[in-house]
Amino acid sequence: MATNKILEYNSILKIMKRICTFLIIVLYFLPFSFTQAQENWVSYIHSIDVKNLKEQQIRLQMSIRTEIEDADAAARFGFRVVTPNNDGFREFLKSRVKDTSWTTYTIVGNIDSTATRIRYSPHCQHNGKFYFDDIKIDVRTGDHEWKNIFTENFEHEPLKLEQGLRSGNYGKNEKFHAEIHTENTTIPNKCLLITGKGVPNYGNNKKAGKYADINGIKLYYEIYGEGHPFLYLHGNGGSISNCSKFMPHLINKYKVIAIDSRAQGLSTDADEPLSYIQMTADINALLDKLNIDSTYIWGQSDGAILGLILAMKHPDKVKKLLAFGANIQPDSLAVFQCAINDSKRIVRETKDERKRKLEQLMIDYPNIPYADLSFIKAPVLVIAGDRDIIRPEHTLKIFQHIPNSHLCIIPGTTHGASWEKKDLFLSILDDFFEDKFIMPDTRDWFR
């Protein structure tokens, strides 16, 4: 009997370890995945068999040049190490490439013992022409020795790249086109050309974007469409561009006001530490400046926290609130410990002061008593993914403490469920904002 209990306990530990590993990967790549919004970017991939290369160091080299049309257009490149248990990025070029002349970049990583394939990926964001050439993949064979296992110079082979990073439409974008291109030089040279044309630029739109002097900072915002005001509040480390994938749908229905919270996107920062209370004050001041006295709100992650605080402190401003992935306390009772540990690691290691402040914000805040949620008068849809970084029991308690609320857990999704199941999410969003709010009673159904 004791042996069975030990085996059962060990099994539970293994499962929890896998969950924590998964959540760390999700949290770590969230800033990349969602700041590079689907409408703005594309990735192409090519797979290479590495079954016979176990636990070796790998080097990817690629020459890149760009002819960008948007200020924030850029190229990137990276590779994935594919194993039976995951398909996550092992390395990725951190800085955005904007070189107008050919420049060779190198990234180095490791092949896992269970690796089956490597997928290298040229990546482009926004409008412009992005050129890639002389792709080389080498493995280390000695202290200073490398063996080439793959070369692509686009001179003799047809284009083998496929658009998209994984199943579904992730990484695919019809506004980008890839082709073999011949450079007009004295010696003709073929290369890969990816062209982005007509790519929407939400989050850095010179025509729609404005700055407001708010509480000692310059708060950046964009307004689109007509109808009832609809406020979009992004997550930690994000920006207005996070909403790009949803903008065409929302603009047809609402007057969309999208804000870059302080220290994020194009908004500036002040010297003091960040707090959700201060950020909420920024939003309230902007709404006053725009003469908006009642608005729908979709808050994502940190944006959901801001939406809850706004609904508590300024109830007249909030007509309805969709709060996705919110937490009202920063500890492991609300957020999985592995995610907290990752934030603490980033604070220790990062040299980016903005990023450090944003991660510290999540470590220290919010600290909202459950009882304070009773001050919210507006209807609230509390929503999360069933594999969210927020504990499901915490999401449930938030729902239970808001007087007029609905609860939605989207199956088979993470903290990024809005993007992972876009159509389902938009259907839920529309129903909530457009239908009359009611709280049905199961006893009535039985009657």
Protein backbone atom coordinates (compact mmCIF):
# COMPACT_ATOMS: atom_id res chain seq x y z
CA MET A 1 0.00 0.00 0.00
CA ALA A 2 2.83 2.39 0.93
CA THR A 3 4.63 1.56 -2.31
CA ASN A 4 1.53 2.38 -4.34
CA LYS A 5 1.21 5.75 -2.58
CA ILE A 6 4.85 6.55 -3.32
CA LEU A 7 4.39 5.65 -7.00
CA GLU A 8 1.24 7.75 -7.15
CA TYR A 9 3.04 10.69 -5.50
CA ASN A 10 5.98 10.40 -7.93
CA SER A 11 3.56 10.36 -10.86
CA ILE A 12 1.90 13.53 -9.60
CA LEU A 13 5.31 15.21 -9.25
CA LYS A 14 6.21 14.28 -12.84
CA ILE A 15 2.93 15.72 -14.11
CA MET A 16 3.39 18.97 -12.14
CA LYS A 17 6.96 19.30 -13.40
CA ARG A 18 5.75 19.00 -17.01
CA ILE A 19 3.02 21.58 -16.39
CA CYS A 20 5.53 24.03 -14.86
CA THR A 21 7.97 23.52 -17.75
CA PHE A 22 5.18 24.21 -20.22
CA LEU A 23 4.06 27.35 -18.37
CA ILE A 24 7.60 28.72 -18.22
CA ILE A 25 7.90 28.31 -22.00
CA VAL A 26 4.53 30.03 -22.49
CA LEU A 27 5.44 32.94 -20.17
CA TYR A 28 8.92 33.35 -21.64
CA PHE A 29 7.75 33.52 -25.23
CA LEU A 30 4.58 35.49 -24.56
CA PRO A 31 6.26 38.85 -25.16
CA PHE A 32 7.52 37.67 -28.53
CA SER A 33 4.42 35.78 -29.58
CA PHE A 34 1.97 38.54 -28.86
CA THR A 35 3.93 41.69 -29.49
CA GLN A 36 4.51 40.38 -32.98
CA ALA A 37 0.79 40.31 -33.69
CA GLN A 38 -0.48 37.87 -36.32
CA GLU A 39 -1.63 40.59 -38.74
CA ASN A 40 1.86 42.11 -38.78
CA TRP A 41 4.25 39.23 -39.35
CA VAL A 42 5.05 36.00 -41.14
CA SER A 43 7.46 33.10 -40.73
CA TYR A 44 8.72 30.53 -43.23
CA ILE A 45 10.25 27.22 -42.16
CA HIS A 46 12.35 24.41 -43.57
CA SER A 47 12.99 21.15 -41.68
CA ILE A 48 16.25 19.21 -41.50
CA ASP A 49 16.67 15.68 -40.12
CA VAL A 50 19.04 15.52 -37.10
CA LYS A 51 18.18 12.09 -35.68
CA ASN A 52 21.85 11.07 -35.76
CA LEU A 53 23.11 14.26 -34.13
CA LYS A 54 22.62 13.94 -30.38
CA GLU A 55 23.54 16.54 -27.76
CA GLN A 56 25.78 18.52 -30.08
CA GLN A 57 26.17 22.26 -30.41
CA ILE A 58 24.57 23.74 -33.50
CA ARG A 59 25.34 26.98 -35.35
CA LEU A 60 22.98 28.75 -37.73
CA GLN A 61 24.31 31.48 -40.02
CA MET A 62 22.25 33.65 -42.33
CA SER A 63 22.94 36.77 -44.40
CA ILE A 64 20.18 39.41 -44.34
CA ARG A 65 19.46 42.82 -45.81
CA THR A 66 16.24 44.86 -45.79
CA GLU A 67 14.41 47.61 -47.64
CA ILE A 68 11.84 48.62 -45.03
CA GLU A 69 8.81 50.85 -45.59
CA ASP A 70 7.54 51.10 -41.99
CA ALA A 71 9.64 52.46 -39.13
CA ASP A 72 9.10 49.28 -37.12
CA ALA A 73 9.50 46.83 -39.99
CA ALA A 74 12.29 44.32 -39.46
CA ALA A 75 13.61 40.85 -40.22
CA ARG A 76 14.51 38.13 -37.72
CA PHE A 77 15.61 34.53 -37.96
CA GLY A 78 15.84 31.56 -35.65
CA PHE A 79 15.57 27.81 -35.37
CA ARG A 80 13.51 25.26 -33.50
CA VAL A 81 14.79 21.99 -32.12
CA VAL A 82 11.97 19.49 -32.53
CA THR A 83 11.65 16.64 -30.03
CA PRO A 84 8.79 14.21 -29.33
CA ASN A 85 7.76 16.32 -26.31
CA ASN A 86 8.04 19.88 -27.57
CA ASP A 87 8.50 22.17 -30.52
CA GLY A 88 9.77 25.32 -28.80
CA PHE A 89 12.29 27.91 -29.89
CA ARG A 90 15.75 27.09 -28.59
CA GLU A 91 17.38 30.28 -29.88
CA PHE A 92 16.14 33.44 -31.53
CA LEU A 93 17.87 36.57 -32.76
CA LYS A 94 16.99 39.11 -30.07
CA SER A 95 17.52 42.37 -31.95
CA ARG A 96 15.52 43.26 -35.02
CA VAL A 97 17.47 43.32 -38.29
CA LYS A 98 17.16 46.50 -40.35
CA ASP A 99 20.47 46.47 -42.23
CA THR A 100 20.26 47.95 -45.73
CA SER A 101 23.42 46.11 -46.84
CA TRP A 102 24.15 42.39 -46.57
CA THR A 103 25.13 41.40 -43.02
CA THR A 104 25.80 37.89 -41.73
CA TYR A 105 24.29 36.87 -38.38
CA THR A 106 25.05 33.81 -36.25
CA ILE A 107 23.17 32.09 -33.43
CA VAL A 108 24.33 29.01 -31.52
CA GLY A 109 22.32 26.46 -29.56
CA ASN A 110 22.21 22.79 -28.62
CA ILE A 111 20.55 19.72 -30.09
CA ASP A 112 18.60 17.78 -27.46
CA SER A 113 19.33 14.09 -26.96
CA THR A 114 15.82 13.28 -28.25
CA ALA A 115 15.87 15.77 -31.15
CA THR A 116 14.46 14.56 -34.45
CA ARG A 117 14.50 17.68 -36.63
CA ILE A 118 15.70 21.27 -36.82
CA ARG A 119 13.46 23.91 -38.38
CA TYR A 120 15.14 27.16 -39.39
CA SER A 121 12.86 30.13 -39.87
CA PRO A 122 13.24 33.50 -41.64
CA HIS A 123 10.77 35.92 -40.05
CA CYS A 124 9.49 39.32 -41.27
CA GLN A 125 7.38 42.03 -39.68
CA HIS A 126 5.44 44.87 -41.35
CA ASN A 127 5.88 46.33 -44.83
CA GLY A 128 9.04 46.12 -46.88
CA LYS A 129 11.38 43.78 -48.71
CA PHE A 130 13.43 41.31 -46.70
CA TYR A 131 16.33 39.44 -48.32
CA PHE A 132 17.91 36.22 -46.96
CA ASP A 133 20.87 34.27 -48.36
CA ASP A 134 23.76 31.91 -47.61
CA ILE A 135 22.00 29.89 -44.93
CA LYS A 136 24.36 27.46 -43.22
CA ILE A 137 23.83 24.99 -40.40
CA ASP A 138 26.92 23.48 -38.76
CA VAL A 139 27.51 21.17 -35.79
CA ARG A 140 30.53 21.37 -33.52
CA THR A 141 32.99 18.49 -33.90
CA GLY A 142 35.85 19.89 -31.81
CA ASP A 143 37.04 22.89 -29.81
CA HIS A 144 37.28 25.09 -32.90
CA GLU A 145 35.94 22.75 -35.56
CA TRP A 146 32.52 22.73 -37.22
CA LYS A 147 30.99 20.36 -39.75
CA ASN A 148 28.45 21.68 -42.23
CA ILE A 149 25.21 19.67 -42.38
CA PHE A 150 23.08 22.04 -44.46
CA THR A 151 23.60 24.91 -46.92
CA GLU A 152 21.04 26.90 -48.88
CA ASN A 153 22.10 29.69 -51.25
CA PHE A 154 18.98 29.60 -53.46
CA GLU A 155 21.10 29.29 -56.63
CA HIS A 156 20.07 25.87 -57.86
CA GLU A 157 17.24 24.56 -55.68
CA PRO A 158 13.53 25.46 -55.92
CA LEU A 159 12.07 27.27 -52.93
CA LYS A 160 11.50 24.66 -50.19
CA LEU A 161 10.26 26.94 -47.44
CA GLU A 162 6.71 26.64 -46.13
CA GLN A 163 4.77 29.50 -44.59
CA GLY A 164 3.75 29.09 -40.94
CA LEU A 165 5.41 27.98 -37.72
CA ARG A 166 3.09 25.14 -36.74
CA SER A 167 -0.37 23.70 -37.38
CA GLY A 168 -3.26 26.02 -38.14
CA ASN A 169 -2.64 29.58 -39.30
CA TYR A 170 0.02 30.53 -36.76
CA GLY A 171 2.84 32.31 -38.58
CA LYS A 172 0.90 32.47 -41.86
CA ASN A 173 -0.04 35.76 -43.50
CA GLU A 174 -1.39 36.27 -47.02
CA LYS A 175 0.03 39.81 -47.10
CA PHE A 176 3.55 38.36 -47.43
CA HIS A 177 5.02 36.63 -50.49
CA ALA A 178 8.25 34.63 -50.85
CA GLU A 179 10.21 34.08 -54.06
CA ILE A 180 13.66 33.42 -55.48
CA HIS A 181 15.14 36.80 -56.42
CA THR A 182 18.14 37.69 -58.60
CA GLU A 183 20.18 40.62 -57.31
CA ASN A 184 21.10 43.20 -59.95
CA THR A 185 24.86 43.14 -59.49
CA THR A 186 27.80 42.64 -61.83
CA ILE A 187 27.75 38.98 -60.81
CA PRO A 188 24.10 37.79 -60.69
CA ASN A 189 23.27 36.35 -57.28
CA LYS A 190 20.08 34.59 -56.29
CA CYS A 191 18.56 34.91 -52.83
CA LEU A 192 15.28 34.58 -50.95
CA LEU A 193 13.05 37.66 -51.08
CA ILE A 194 10.05 37.98 -48.75
CA THR A 195 7.85 40.99 -49.50
CA GLY A 196 5.31 42.46 -47.10
CA LYS A 197 2.73 44.72 -48.75
CA GLY A 198 -0.46 46.20 -47.33
CA VAL A 199 0.37 44.93 -43.83
CA PRO A 200 -1.67 46.81 -41.20
CA ASN A 201 0.40 48.78 -38.75
CA TYR A 202 -1.75 48.98 -35.63
CA GLY A 203 0.33 50.25 -32.74
CA ASN A 204 2.52 52.54 -34.85
CA ASN A 205 0.05 54.26 -37.15
CA LYS A 206 1.12 57.83 -37.87
CA LYS A 207 -2.38 58.77 -39.07
CA ALA A 208 -4.37 57.31 -36.17
CA GLY A 209 -1.82 57.57 -33.36
CA LYS A 210 -1.67 60.41 -30.84
CA TYR A 211 0.06 61.28 -27.57
CA ALA A 212 -1.64 62.69 -24.49
CA ASP A 213 0.23 64.37 -21.65
CA ILE A 214 -1.02 62.31 -18.71
CA ASN A 215 0.33 62.19 -15.14
CA GLY A 216 3.87 63.17 -16.11
CA ILE A 217 4.20 60.85 -19.12
CA LYS A 218 3.21 60.80 -22.78
CA LEU A 219 0.50 58.18 -23.20
CA TYR A 220 0.20 56.81 -26.74
CA TYR A 221 -3.20 55.79 -28.13
CA GLU A 222 -4.97 55.09 -31.42
CA ILE A 223 -8.67 55.43 -32.28
CA TYR A 224 -10.50 53.58 -35.07
CA GLY A 225 -14.10 53.09 -36.19
CA GLU A 226 -17.42 54.45 -35.00
CA GLY A 227 -20.08 53.34 -32.55
CA HIS A 228 -20.04 52.73 -28.82
CA PRO A 229 -16.57 53.27 -27.25
CA PHE A 230 -14.56 50.06 -26.88
CA LEU A 231 -11.31 50.22 -24.91
CA TYR A 232 -8.54 47.67 -25.53
CA LEU A 233 -5.93 47.18 -22.77
CA HIS A 234 -2.96 44.93 -23.58
CA GLY A 235 -0.95 42.58 -21.39
CA ASN A 236 2.41 43.01 -19.64
CA GLY A 237 5.20 43.94 -22.05
CA GLY A 238 2.73 44.27 -24.91
CA SER A 239 1.28 47.10 -26.94
CA ILE A 240 -1.62 48.09 -29.17
CA SER A 241 -0.19 45.80 -31.85
CA ASN A 242 -1.34 42.81 -29.77
CA CYS A 243 -4.86 43.58 -30.95
CA SER A 244 -3.98 43.71 -34.66
CA LYS A 245 -5.53 40.34 -35.40
CA PHE A 246 -8.85 41.49 -33.95
CA MET A 247 -8.94 45.10 -35.16
CA PRO A 248 -10.79 44.57 -38.47
CA HIS A 249 -13.61 42.81 -36.62
CA LEU A 250 -13.80 45.31 -33.74
CA ILE A 251 -13.58 48.42 -35.93
CA ASN A 252 -16.70 47.34 -37.83
CA LYS A 253 -18.69 47.34 -34.59
CA TYR A 254 -17.20 49.89 -32.20
CA LYS A 255 -15.21 53.05 -31.73
CA VAL A 256 -12.00 51.32 -30.69
CA ILE A 257 -9.65 53.17 -28.34
CA ALA A 258 -6.40 51.24 -27.93
CA ILE A 259 -3.78 52.38 -25.40
CA ASP A 260 -0.11 51.61 -24.83
CA SER A 261 0.15 51.47 -21.03
CA ARG A 262 2.97 53.48 -19.48
CA ALA A 263 6.48 52.06 -20.07
CA GLN A 264 5.11 49.88 -22.89
CA GLY A 265 4.72 50.25 -26.62
CA LEU A 266 5.22 53.89 -27.60
CA SER A 267 4.18 55.36 -24.24
CA THR A 268 6.89 56.89 -22.07
CA ASP A 269 7.75 56.18 -18.45
CA ALA A 270 8.59 58.06 -15.25
CA ASP A 271 11.27 57.38 -12.66
CA GLU A 272 9.05 55.78 -10.01
CA PRO A 273 8.27 52.03 -9.88
CA LEU A 274 5.29 50.82 -11.88
CA SER A 275 1.95 50.07 -10.25
CA TYR A 276 -1.45 49.03 -11.55
CA ILE A 277 -3.07 51.85 -9.55
CA GLN A 278 -0.96 54.44 -11.41
CA MET A 279 -1.64 52.81 -14.78
CA THR A 280 -5.37 52.83 -14.07
CA ALA A 281 -5.16 56.53 -13.20
CA ASP A 282 -3.50 57.10 -16.59
CA ILE A 283 -6.38 55.36 -18.37
CA ASN A 284 -9.03 57.25 -16.43
CA ALA A 285 -7.35 60.58 -17.19
CA LEU A 286 -7.22 59.76 -20.91
CA LEU A 287 -10.91 58.82 -20.95
CA ASP A 288 -11.66 62.19 -19.32
CA LYS A 289 -9.53 63.93 -21.92
CA LEU A 290 -11.44 62.17 -24.71
CA ASN A 291 -14.80 62.94 -23.05
CA ILE A 292 -15.64 59.25 -22.80
CA ASP A 293 -17.85 58.64 -19.78
CA SER A 294 -18.80 55.00 -20.45
CA THR A 295 -17.01 52.33 -22.43
CA TYR A 296 -16.84 48.63 -23.11
CA ILE A 297 -13.45 47.20 -22.10
CA TRP A 298 -11.49 44.17 -23.21
CA GLY A 299 -8.54 43.80 -20.84
CA GLN A 300 -5.95 41.11 -21.56
CA SER A 301 -3.80 39.81 -18.66
CA ASP A 302 -2.37 42.99 -17.06
CA GLY A 303 -5.02 44.88 -19.04
CA ALA A 304 -7.68 42.79 -17.28
CA ILE A 305 -6.26 43.86 -13.91
CA LEU A 306 -6.45 47.49 -15.02
CA GLY A 307 -10.04 46.94 -16.16
CA LEU A 308 -11.02 45.51 -12.77
CA ILE A 309 -9.43 48.42 -10.90
CA LEU A 310 -11.09 50.95 -13.20
CA ALA A 311 -14.45 49.25 -12.63
CA MET A 312 -13.92 49.43 -8.84
CA LYS A 313 -12.62 53.00 -8.62
CA HIS A 314 -14.52 54.61 -11.49
CA PRO A 315 -17.68 52.49 -11.92
CA ASP A 316 -19.41 55.03 -14.17
CA LYS A 317 -16.64 54.67 -16.77
CA VAL A 318 -17.17 50.95 -17.33
CA LYS A 319 -20.30 49.72 -19.13
CA LYS A 320 -19.10 46.12 -19.52
CA LEU A 321 -15.73 44.48 -18.89
CA LEU A 322 -14.23 41.38 -20.45
CA ALA A 323 -11.35 40.46 -18.12
CA PHE A 324 -9.10 37.81 -19.66
CA GLY A 325 -6.43 36.09 -17.55
CA ALA A 326 -6.61 38.44 -14.56
CA ASN A 327 -5.09 37.89 -11.13
CA ILE A 328 -5.70 40.05 -8.06
CA GLN A 329 -2.74 38.82 -6.01
CA PRO A 330 0.83 38.08 -7.16
CA ASP A 331 1.61 34.93 -5.19
CA SER A 332 1.44 31.22 -5.98
CA LEU A 333 -2.16 31.03 -4.76
CA ALA A 334 -3.07 32.94 -7.91
CA VAL A 335 -0.21 32.30 -10.35
CA PHE A 336 1.71 29.06 -10.91
CA GLN A 337 5.01 29.18 -9.02
CA CYS A 338 7.09 28.35 -12.07
CA ALA A 339 5.83 31.54 -13.74
CA ILE A 340 6.74 33.59 -10.67
CA ASN A 341 10.21 32.04 -10.62
CA ASP A 342 10.70 32.95 -14.26
CA SER A 343 9.78 36.60 -13.59
CA LYS A 344 12.28 36.70 -10.72
CA ARG A 345 14.97 35.21 -12.97
CA ILE A 346 14.34 37.88 -15.62
CA VAL A 347 14.57 40.64 -12.99
CA ARG A 348 17.95 39.25 -11.89
CA GLU A 349 19.37 38.77 -15.36
CA THR A 350 17.93 41.41 -17.68
CA LYS A 351 19.86 44.54 -18.58
CA ASP A 352 16.72 46.17 -19.97
CA GLU A 353 15.40 48.55 -17.29
CA ARG A 354 11.91 48.67 -18.79
CA LYS A 355 11.65 44.90 -18.84
CA ARG A 356 12.96 44.69 -15.28
CA LYS A 357 10.30 47.16 -14.06
CA LEU A 358 7.53 45.30 -15.90
CA GLU A 359 8.56 41.94 -14.43
CA GLN A 360 8.92 43.48 -10.95
CA LEU A 361 5.40 44.84 -11.33
CA MET A 362 4.05 41.30 -11.67
CA ILE A 363 6.13 40.09 -8.72
CA ASP A 364 4.87 42.82 -6.36
CA TYR A 365 1.32 43.46 -7.58
CA PRO A 366 -1.66 43.45 -7.67
CA ASN A 367 -2.82 43.15 -4.05
CA ILE A 368 -6.60 43.44 -4.26
CA PRO A 369 -8.76 41.87 -1.53
CA TYR A 370 -11.51 39.63 -2.90
CA ALA A 371 -14.04 41.69 -0.92
CA ASP A 372 -13.16 44.80 -2.98
CA LEU A 373 -14.49 43.11 -6.12
CA SER A 374 -17.98 43.62 -4.70
CA PHE A 375 -17.66 47.34 -5.55
CA ILE A 376 -17.79 46.46 -9.26
CA LYS A 377 -21.26 47.29 -10.56
CA ALA A 378 -20.72 46.70 -14.29
CA PRO A 379 -21.29 43.27 -15.86
CA VAL A 380 -17.99 41.38 -16.08
CA LEU A 381 -17.04 38.36 -18.15
CA VAL A 382 -14.21 36.58 -16.31
CA ILE A 383 -12.40 34.46 -18.85
CA ALA A 384 -9.23 32.33 -19.05
CA GLY A 385 -7.68 29.36 -20.81
CA ASP A 386 -7.84 25.98 -19.12
CA ARG A 387 -4.03 25.79 -19.29
CA ASP A 388 -3.54 29.41 -18.24
CA ILE A 389 -0.66 30.72 -16.11
CA ILE A 390 -3.37 31.91 -13.73
CA ARG A 391 -4.61 29.12 -11.47
CA PRO A 392 -8.15 28.08 -12.44
CA GLU A 393 -9.30 28.18 -8.81
CA HIS A 394 -8.17 31.82 -8.61
CA THR A 395 -10.11 32.70 -11.77
CA LEU A 396 -13.16 30.99 -10.25
CA LYS A 397 -12.87 32.98 -7.01
CA ILE A 398 -12.65 36.27 -8.92
CA PHE A 399 -15.86 35.32 -10.74
CA GLN A 400 -17.57 34.36 -7.48
CA HIS A 401 -16.79 37.72 -5.83
CA ILE A 402 -18.03 39.99 -8.64
CA PRO A 403 -21.78 40.59 -8.21
CA ASN A 404 -22.72 40.73 -11.92
CA SER A 405 -20.46 38.26 -13.68
CA HIS A 406 -20.15 35.42 -16.10
CA LEU A 407 -17.36 32.81 -16.18
CA CYS A 408 -15.78 31.29 -19.29
CA ILE A 409 -12.91 28.80 -19.45
CA ILE A 410 -11.80 28.15 -23.03
CA PRO A 411 -10.78 24.49 -23.44
CA GLY A 412 -7.42 23.44 -24.83
CA THR A 413 -5.86 26.89 -24.55
CA THR A 414 -3.27 28.87 -22.59
CA HIS A 415 -2.87 32.47 -21.47
CA GLY A 416 -3.04 33.28 -25.18
CA ALA A 417 -6.46 31.71 -25.82
CA SER A 418 -7.71 34.88 -27.54
CA TRP A 419 -5.21 34.25 -30.34
CA GLU A 420 -5.21 30.46 -30.20
CA LYS A 421 -8.98 30.24 -30.78
CA LYS A 422 -9.66 33.61 -32.33
CA ASP A 423 -13.05 32.87 -33.90
CA LEU A 424 -14.42 31.26 -30.75
CA PHE A 425 -13.11 34.12 -28.64
CA LEU A 426 -14.65 36.79 -30.89
CA SER A 427 -17.99 34.97 -30.81
CA ILE A 428 -17.90 34.99 -27.00
CA LEU A 429 -16.84 38.64 -26.98
CA ASP A 430 -19.66 39.70 -29.32
CA ASP A 431 -22.30 37.83 -27.34
CA PHE A 432 -21.16 39.44 -24.12
CA PHE A 433 -21.02 43.02 -25.34
CA GLU A 434 -24.04 42.92 -27.67
CA ASP A 435 -26.56 40.79 -25.77
CA LYS A 436 -28.53 41.89 -22.74
CA PHE A 437 -26.70 40.81 -19.59
CA ILE A 438 -28.57 38.23 -17.56
CA MET A 439 -27.60 35.78 -14.83
CA PRO A 440 -29.83 32.73 -15.36
CA ASP A 441 -30.77 30.38 -12.56
CA THR A 442 -30.66 26.63 -13.17
CA ARG A 443 -33.79 26.25 -10.98
CA ASP A 444 -35.70 28.27 -13.59
CA TRP A 445 -34.54 25.87 -16.30
CA PHE A 446 -35.84 22.88 -14.32
CA ARG A 447 -39.17 24.61 -13.85
